[in-house]
Amino acid sequence: MSRPDCVTRLEKGLFRLNVWVQPGAKKNAFCGLHQGHLKIKIQAPPLEGRANKEVVAFLARHLGIKRSRVRVESGQKTRKKSILINIDNEPDWAGITW
């Protein structure tokens, strides 16, 4: 699968992923595209950065990398977030349900 529109390659091994987060969901899940962003439902509430931490852990787990290689670049207090992913090889974007 080619790289989706919500993903930008910044440089070798560094990608920006635009996500739309829905906190307080029943389960963590990818929910396709929403307004040009990858929609992710997260169980954690949007309090004290808990949802952000869970988004990072959820993405790292699905990409098979350490949490330290995924970070919220912008949107710490909004649903629309920009996530930086530092990974050696291009991820298998097909492994994520769009």
N, C-alpha and C. Protein backbone atom coordinates (compact mmCIF):
# COMPACT_ATOMS: atom_id res chain seq x y z
N MET A 1 0.85 -1.19 0.00
CA MET A 1 0.00 0.00 0.00
C MET A 1 0.89 1.24 0.00
N SER A 2 0.49 2.23 -0.76
CA SER A 2 1.25 3.46 -0.78
C SER A 2 0.97 4.25 0.50
N ARG A 3 1.76 5.26 0.70
CA ARG A 3 1.63 6.10 1.89
C ARG A 3 0.32 6.89 1.82
N PRO A 4 -0.51 6.84 2.86
CA PRO A 4 -1.77 7.59 2.87
C PRO A 4 -1.54 9.10 2.95
N ASP A 5 -2.55 9.87 2.59
CA ASP A 5 -2.44 11.33 2.57
C ASP A 5 -2.19 11.93 3.94
N CYS A 6 -2.59 11.26 5.01
CA CYS A 6 -2.41 11.81 6.36
C CYS A 6 -0.98 11.58 6.88
N VAL A 7 -0.12 10.98 6.07
CA VAL A 7 1.27 10.72 6.46
C VAL A 7 2.19 11.51 5.54
N THR A 8 3.17 12.20 6.15
CA THR A 8 4.17 12.95 5.40
C THR A 8 5.54 12.46 5.81
N ARG A 9 6.38 12.18 4.82
CA ARG A 9 7.77 11.82 5.11
C ARG A 9 8.55 13.12 5.21
N LEU A 10 9.15 13.38 6.38
CA LEU A 10 9.91 14.61 6.59
C LEU A 10 11.36 14.45 6.16
N GLU A 11 11.92 13.32 6.47
CA GLU A 11 13.28 12.96 6.08
C GLU A 11 13.42 11.47 6.25
N LYS A 12 14.56 10.93 5.92
CA LYS A 12 14.73 9.49 6.03
C LYS A 12 14.49 9.05 7.48
N GLY A 13 13.53 8.16 7.66
CA GLY A 13 13.24 7.62 8.98
C GLY A 13 12.35 8.48 9.87
N LEU A 14 11.85 9.61 9.36
CA LEU A 14 11.01 10.49 10.17
C LEU A 14 9.72 10.81 9.40
N PHE A 15 8.59 10.48 10.03
CA PHE A 15 7.28 10.67 9.41
C PHE A 15 6.37 11.47 10.33
N ARG A 16 5.49 12.26 9.72
CA ARG A 16 4.45 12.99 10.47
C ARG A 16 3.12 12.34 10.12
N LEU A 17 2.38 11.97 11.16
CA LEU A 17 1.06 11.37 11.00
C LEU A 17 0.03 12.30 11.62
N ASN A 18 -0.95 12.72 10.82
CA ASN A 18 -2.03 13.58 11.31
C ASN A 18 -3.17 12.69 11.78
N VAL A 19 -3.54 12.85 13.05
CA VAL A 19 -4.58 12.01 13.63
C VAL A 19 -5.69 12.86 14.23
N TRP A 20 -6.87 12.26 14.32
CA TRP A 20 -8.04 12.83 14.98
C TRP A 20 -8.35 11.85 16.11
N VAL A 21 -8.27 12.29 17.35
CA VAL A 21 -8.42 11.39 18.50
C VAL A 21 -9.79 11.58 19.14
N GLN A 22 -10.43 10.45 19.43
CA GLN A 22 -11.69 10.46 20.16
C GLN A 22 -11.42 9.79 21.50
N PRO A 23 -11.21 10.57 22.56
CA PRO A 23 -10.93 9.99 23.88
C PRO A 23 -12.21 9.47 24.54
N GLY A 24 -12.05 8.62 25.55
CA GLY A 24 -13.19 8.11 26.31
C GLY A 24 -13.98 7.04 25.58
N ALA A 25 -13.37 6.37 24.62
CA ALA A 25 -14.07 5.33 23.85
C ALA A 25 -14.12 4.02 24.64
N LYS A 26 -14.94 3.07 24.18
CA LYS A 26 -15.04 1.77 24.84
C LYS A 26 -13.78 0.94 24.65
N LYS A 27 -13.13 1.10 23.47
CA LYS A 27 -11.89 0.36 23.23
C LYS A 27 -11.00 1.19 22.30
N ASN A 28 -9.72 0.88 22.31
CA ASN A 28 -8.78 1.54 21.42
C ASN A 28 -8.92 0.92 20.03
N ALA A 29 -9.03 1.78 19.01
CA ALA A 29 -9.20 1.26 17.66
C ALA A 29 -8.92 2.33 16.61
N PHE A 30 -8.47 1.87 15.44
CA PHE A 30 -8.38 2.74 14.27
C PHE A 30 -9.76 2.78 13.64
N CYS A 31 -10.19 3.95 13.19
CA CYS A 31 -11.55 4.11 12.66
C CYS A 31 -11.57 4.76 11.28
N GLY A 32 -10.55 4.56 10.49
CA GLY A 32 -10.52 5.11 9.15
C GLY A 32 -10.11 6.56 9.12
N LEU A 33 -10.45 7.23 8.03
CA LEU A 33 -10.06 8.63 7.85
C LEU A 33 -11.21 9.56 8.22
N HIS A 34 -10.86 10.70 8.81
CA HIS A 34 -11.83 11.71 9.22
C HIS A 34 -11.22 13.08 8.94
N GLN A 35 -11.79 13.82 8.01
CA GLN A 35 -11.30 15.15 7.64
C GLN A 35 -9.81 15.16 7.34
N GLY A 36 -9.35 14.16 6.59
CA GLY A 36 -7.95 14.10 6.20
C GLY A 36 -6.99 13.61 7.28
N HIS A 37 -7.53 13.14 8.39
CA HIS A 37 -6.74 12.63 9.50
C HIS A 37 -7.11 11.17 9.75
N LEU A 38 -6.16 10.41 10.29
CA LEU A 38 -6.46 9.05 10.73
C LEU A 38 -7.21 9.16 12.05
N LYS A 39 -8.42 8.61 12.11
CA LYS A 39 -9.21 8.68 13.35
C LYS A 39 -8.84 7.51 14.24
N ILE A 40 -8.56 7.82 15.51
CA ILE A 40 -8.21 6.80 16.50
C ILE A 40 -9.10 6.99 17.72
N LYS A 41 -9.79 5.92 18.11
CA LYS A 41 -10.56 5.94 19.36
C LYS A 41 -9.65 5.43 20.47
N ILE A 42 -9.68 6.15 21.60
CA ILE A 42 -8.81 5.84 22.74
C ILE A 42 -9.66 5.75 24.00
N GLN A 43 -9.40 4.76 24.83
CA GLN A 43 -10.15 4.57 26.07
C GLN A 43 -9.87 5.65 27.10
N ALA A 44 -8.66 6.13 27.16
CA ALA A 44 -8.28 7.08 28.21
C ALA A 44 -9.06 8.39 28.09
N PRO A 45 -9.34 9.03 29.22
CA PRO A 45 -10.02 10.32 29.18
C PRO A 45 -9.03 11.43 28.80
N PRO A 46 -9.55 12.57 28.33
CA PRO A 46 -8.66 13.66 27.94
C PRO A 46 -8.22 14.50 29.15
N LEU A 47 -7.73 13.85 30.16
CA LEU A 47 -7.30 14.53 31.38
C LEU A 47 -5.81 14.31 31.62
N GLU A 48 -5.11 15.39 31.96
CA GLU A 48 -3.70 15.32 32.36
C GLU A 48 -2.83 14.56 31.37
N GLY A 49 -3.14 14.66 30.07
CA GLY A 49 -2.32 14.04 29.04
C GLY A 49 -2.47 12.53 28.92
N ARG A 50 -3.45 11.95 29.60
CA ARG A 50 -3.61 10.48 29.55
C ARG A 50 -3.93 9.98 28.14
N ALA A 51 -4.82 10.69 27.44
CA ALA A 51 -5.17 10.27 26.08
C ALA A 51 -3.96 10.36 25.15
N ASN A 52 -3.16 11.41 25.30
CA ASN A 52 -1.96 11.54 24.48
C ASN A 52 -1.00 10.38 24.71
N LYS A 53 -0.80 10.02 25.96
CA LYS A 53 0.10 8.90 26.28
C LYS A 53 -0.42 7.60 25.69
N GLU A 54 -1.74 7.42 25.73
CA GLU A 54 -2.31 6.19 25.20
C GLU A 54 -2.25 6.16 23.67
N VAL A 55 -2.39 7.31 23.02
CA VAL A 55 -2.24 7.38 21.56
C VAL A 55 -0.82 6.96 21.16
N VAL A 56 0.16 7.50 21.87
CA VAL A 56 1.57 7.16 21.59
C VAL A 56 1.80 5.67 21.77
N ALA A 57 1.33 5.11 22.88
CA ALA A 57 1.52 3.68 23.14
C ALA A 57 0.79 2.83 22.10
N PHE A 58 -0.41 3.22 21.72
CA PHE A 58 -1.22 2.48 20.75
C PHE A 58 -0.52 2.46 19.39
N LEU A 59 -0.05 3.62 18.92
CA LEU A 59 0.64 3.67 17.64
C LEU A 59 1.95 2.89 17.67
N ALA A 60 2.72 3.04 18.74
CA ALA A 60 3.99 2.32 18.85
C ALA A 60 3.76 0.81 18.80
N ARG A 61 2.74 0.35 19.51
CA ARG A 61 2.43 -1.08 19.53
C ARG A 61 2.08 -1.58 18.12
N HIS A 62 1.26 -0.83 17.39
CA HIS A 62 0.85 -1.25 16.05
C HIS A 62 1.96 -1.14 15.02
N LEU A 63 2.90 -0.24 15.24
CA LEU A 63 4.02 -0.10 14.31
C LEU A 63 5.20 -0.98 14.71
N GLY A 64 5.14 -1.58 15.90
CA GLY A 64 6.21 -2.46 16.35
C GLY A 64 7.49 -1.73 16.73
N ILE A 65 7.33 -0.53 17.31
CA ILE A 65 8.50 0.24 17.73
C ILE A 65 8.33 0.68 19.18
N LYS A 66 9.41 1.19 19.76
CA LYS A 66 9.36 1.67 21.15
C LYS A 66 8.56 2.97 21.22
N ARG A 67 7.91 3.17 22.37
CA ARG A 67 7.13 4.40 22.58
C ARG A 67 7.99 5.65 22.47
N SER A 68 9.26 5.56 22.81
CA SER A 68 10.15 6.72 22.75
C SER A 68 10.37 7.21 21.31
N ARG A 69 10.00 6.41 20.32
CA ARG A 69 10.17 6.78 18.92
C ARG A 69 8.90 7.41 18.34
N VAL A 70 7.89 7.58 19.18
CA VAL A 70 6.63 8.21 18.78
C VAL A 70 6.35 9.35 19.76
N ARG A 71 6.03 10.54 19.22
CA ARG A 71 5.72 11.65 20.13
C ARG A 71 4.70 12.59 19.50
N VAL A 72 3.95 13.26 20.37
CA VAL A 72 2.97 14.24 19.91
C VAL A 72 3.72 15.53 19.62
N GLU A 73 3.69 15.93 18.36
CA GLU A 73 4.39 17.15 17.94
C GLU A 73 3.54 18.39 18.25
N SER A 74 2.25 18.31 17.94
CA SER A 74 1.36 19.44 18.20
C SER A 74 -0.05 18.90 18.46
N GLY A 75 -0.85 19.73 19.09
CA GLY A 75 -2.23 19.34 19.39
C GLY A 75 -2.39 18.64 20.72
N GLN A 76 -1.53 18.96 21.68
CA GLN A 76 -1.58 18.30 22.98
C GLN A 76 -2.94 18.45 23.67
N LYS A 77 -3.66 19.54 23.38
CA LYS A 77 -4.93 19.77 24.06
C LYS A 77 -6.12 19.81 23.10
N THR A 78 -5.94 19.28 21.89
CA THR A 78 -7.03 19.24 20.92
C THR A 78 -7.17 17.82 20.36
N ARG A 79 -8.25 17.58 19.65
CA ARG A 79 -8.46 16.26 19.04
C ARG A 79 -7.56 16.06 17.83
N LYS A 80 -7.31 17.14 17.07
CA LYS A 80 -6.42 17.05 15.92
C LYS A 80 -4.98 17.13 16.41
N LYS A 81 -4.21 16.10 16.08
CA LYS A 81 -2.83 16.03 16.56
C LYS A 81 -1.89 15.71 15.41
N SER A 82 -0.68 16.16 15.56
CA SER A 82 0.39 15.82 14.64
C SER A 82 1.36 14.95 15.43
N ILE A 83 1.59 13.73 14.93
CA ILE A 83 2.44 12.76 15.62
C ILE A 83 3.70 12.55 14.80
N LEU A 84 4.87 12.61 15.45
CA LEU A 84 6.13 12.31 14.79
C LEU A 84 6.51 10.87 15.08
N ILE A 85 6.87 10.16 14.03
CA ILE A 85 7.27 8.76 14.15
C ILE A 85 8.69 8.63 13.62
N ASN A 86 9.60 8.21 14.48
CA ASN A 86 10.99 8.02 14.12
C ASN A 86 11.21 6.51 13.97
N ILE A 87 11.38 6.05 12.74
CA ILE A 87 11.45 4.62 12.47
C ILE A 87 12.49 4.37 11.37
N ASP A 88 13.21 3.28 11.48
CA ASP A 88 14.29 3.00 10.54
C ASP A 88 13.80 2.80 9.11
N ASN A 89 12.77 2.01 8.94
CA ASN A 89 12.22 1.72 7.61
C ASN A 89 10.79 2.22 7.53
N GLU A 90 10.34 2.47 6.31
CA GLU A 90 8.95 2.92 6.11
C GLU A 90 8.01 1.90 6.72
N PRO A 91 7.09 2.32 7.58
CA PRO A 91 6.13 1.40 8.18
C PRO A 91 5.22 0.75 7.14
N ASP A 92 4.65 -0.37 7.51
CA ASP A 92 3.67 -1.05 6.67
C ASP A 92 2.32 -0.38 6.93
N TRP A 93 2.00 0.63 6.13
CA TRP A 93 0.77 1.38 6.34
C TRP A 93 -0.45 0.51 6.10
N ALA A 94 -0.31 -0.55 5.34
CA ALA A 94 -1.43 -1.46 5.08
C ALA A 94 -1.87 -2.19 6.37
N GLY A 95 -0.98 -2.27 7.36
CA GLY A 95 -1.30 -2.93 8.62
C GLY A 95 -2.24 -2.12 9.49
N ILE A 96 -2.48 -0.88 9.11
CA ILE A 96 -3.40 -0.01 9.86
C ILE A 96 -4.70 0.07 9.07
N THR A 97 -5.82 -0.15 9.72
CA THR A 97 -7.12 -0.09 9.06
C THR A 97 -7.47 1.35 8.75
N TRP A 98 -7.54 1.69 7.50
CA TRP A 98 -7.87 3.05 7.08
C TRP A 98 -9.32 3.12 6.79
